[in-house]
Amino acid sequence: MKVISGLVCILFFVSCSTKEPIKTVPIAVKETQKEQKKQTITFLSQDIQKYLERFQSNGTKLSQEKYEKNYFAVWNIKESKKTPKELMWAFDAFRYGKSYGENLQLIEKEFFTQMKENANFEHFSSVNKPAISLDELNIRAFPTDKPVLRNPELAGEGFPFDYMQNSTIHANKPLFVTHYSKDKEWVHVLSSFAFGWVKTKDIAFLKPYQKELWQKAEQAVVVKEDVPLYTKEGKFLFKTKLGMMFALIDEDEESYTLLCVGNYKFSEPLFLEVQISKNVVHKGILVFNKENLTNVLPQFLRRKYGWGGMYDDRDCSSTLRDFYAPFGLWLPRNSYQQSKVGEVVSLDKLTNEEKQELIMKKAVPFQTLLYKRGHIVLYTGTVDGKITILQNVWGVKTKENGAEGRYIVGKTIFSTLELGKELSNYDKDASMLKNLKSFNILF
C-alpha cells in the first residue's frame, strides 16, 4: 500500500496543537404552475439499462496520476496565476440599477460599495496558503450569502438564478487561500475548478508536510452518494458526494479507514480516522465499463436541478463533472470549458439533419458531450433512430403571443435533443438540436 507511516502520525501531531465570468444564458419561470399543468411533456424511458445496451466498450482505465495532478493542483502553487482584475469580474458584471435582491427589489448602491470594500483585494496574495474545505461549501462571487438576481420579471431571470453562486465544492477538497475579506468573515479561495469566497469558519489551513502526506497516500474514490460519515465516537462529519477523494489509511475485509478533516479551532485542522464500507468508496479510480456505469448513473438520474450547485443539487456542468470523477476524468467547471476537452467536432453552419447524421456517425455513447451556448449534455446513443442524451435541465423554453416562458423540468433526465417538442407553445428556435455548436469525444 502506498500509505506511509507519517500519514497516521498526522493524527497525533495535530490533535495536540472557477469560475470564469458567467457567459451562459440563464433560465427562469414565466408560466405559472396552473398554466404548466394544461400541457404535459412526454418523457423518454428513464430505464438506464435501455441506454446502456448500446455501450460497447470492454472498459477504459484512465490515468490515476493525471487525475490526482489536477485534483491536488492548488496545493502545489505558491501564488495565484490569476490577477486581482480577473478575480474581481463580478464587480464589473453586477452593478447598481440592474441587480435585484431576495425581496425582488433593486439592490441599493451602498451594497456594491460595501462588497467591494470588504473584498479587500488591495491585500490580495497576503495569505497564499493551502487549505481544505470542512463541509459542502458555496463559492460566492462576492463575500456574502445574499443573492444577486437580474430582473425577475423577465423570462430567464429570477429564482433560482443567484449570480453570486459560482459553484459548490465538496467537503475535504483542496483549496488555496489568497486573502481575507476586510472583516475576516470570508476568505478568497482557489480550487482546481473555481474561485471565489467561502466562510473562514468552513476551511482549515494545512501545513506543507500535511498536504504532502495526504497527496502521497493511496487514494480512495467515493462511488456512492449521500452516505453519512462519522468519527469513531459517532459524531457526524458530512455526507459523501461523487467527486470526493480521500487518503487511504488502512483496510479490512469489509471496510476502508480513511483520513478526513474536521474543524479543531480557529481554522486549524483536526485529522480523523473514518471507517467506511467498501461499497461506498473504491481504492483508486474506476474502470469505465458497463458494470460501473450501472452503479454510478442511478445516483444522478432524476436528481433535482441546482443552479451553481445550490441546495445540495447540481446544474448541467457539475452533473457531468461529478459523473466522470470516479472514473478519473477531470473536467473544468463550466459548460464552455468542458466543451473544449478531448476531440472537438464543430457543428456550426450545419442543418439539423446534418448535425444528427454527424453525431450518430462519430460520437461515442457515454464518452461524448454535446454543447450549445450555456448548456452541455451527455450523448447516450440512439433509440428508435433518435439521438438520446442525459441532461440536468431547468426547463423547456416556450413562447406564446410573443411572451417567453418555461415549462419547468428541474431534474436530470434522459431525453431527445428536442425535449418538449410536443408542447403547443414550444419555442422551436430554442431547441437543443437547432442551437448545438459542437460535440467533443472525451477519451
Foldseek 3Di string as FASTA:
>chain_A
DLADPVLVVVQVVQVPPADFPDPFQFFDFDDDPVVLVVDDFDFDDQPPVVLLVPADDPWAADDLVVLLCLQQVLQPDQFDPDAPVRLLVVLVVDAFPFKAWPVLDTDDRVVSVVQVQQQPCVCFQVAFFKKFFQAWWFFFSTQDPIFIWGRNNAGRTDPPDGPRGRAIDGGGGIWTFGAAGPVRQWTWIDGSFHTHITGQQGMATDDSVNSVSFSSAFKKFFQDWQCWWAFPVRHTRYIDAQLDMFGWDQDDDFWTWTWHWHDDPSRHTNITTIIDGCVGIPGTADIPDSVSCVRRVVVAAFFFADVNCPPVGHAFQVSVQSSCNSSSDHFHRFQVRRQPAAAKDWPPPPDLVVVLVVCQVDPRAQQKWWDFRNHIWGWSHDDPSFTKTWGQDQFFWFADPRGIRTSGDGGIGIRGQAGPPPDPRGDVCPTSSNRTTIMHGND
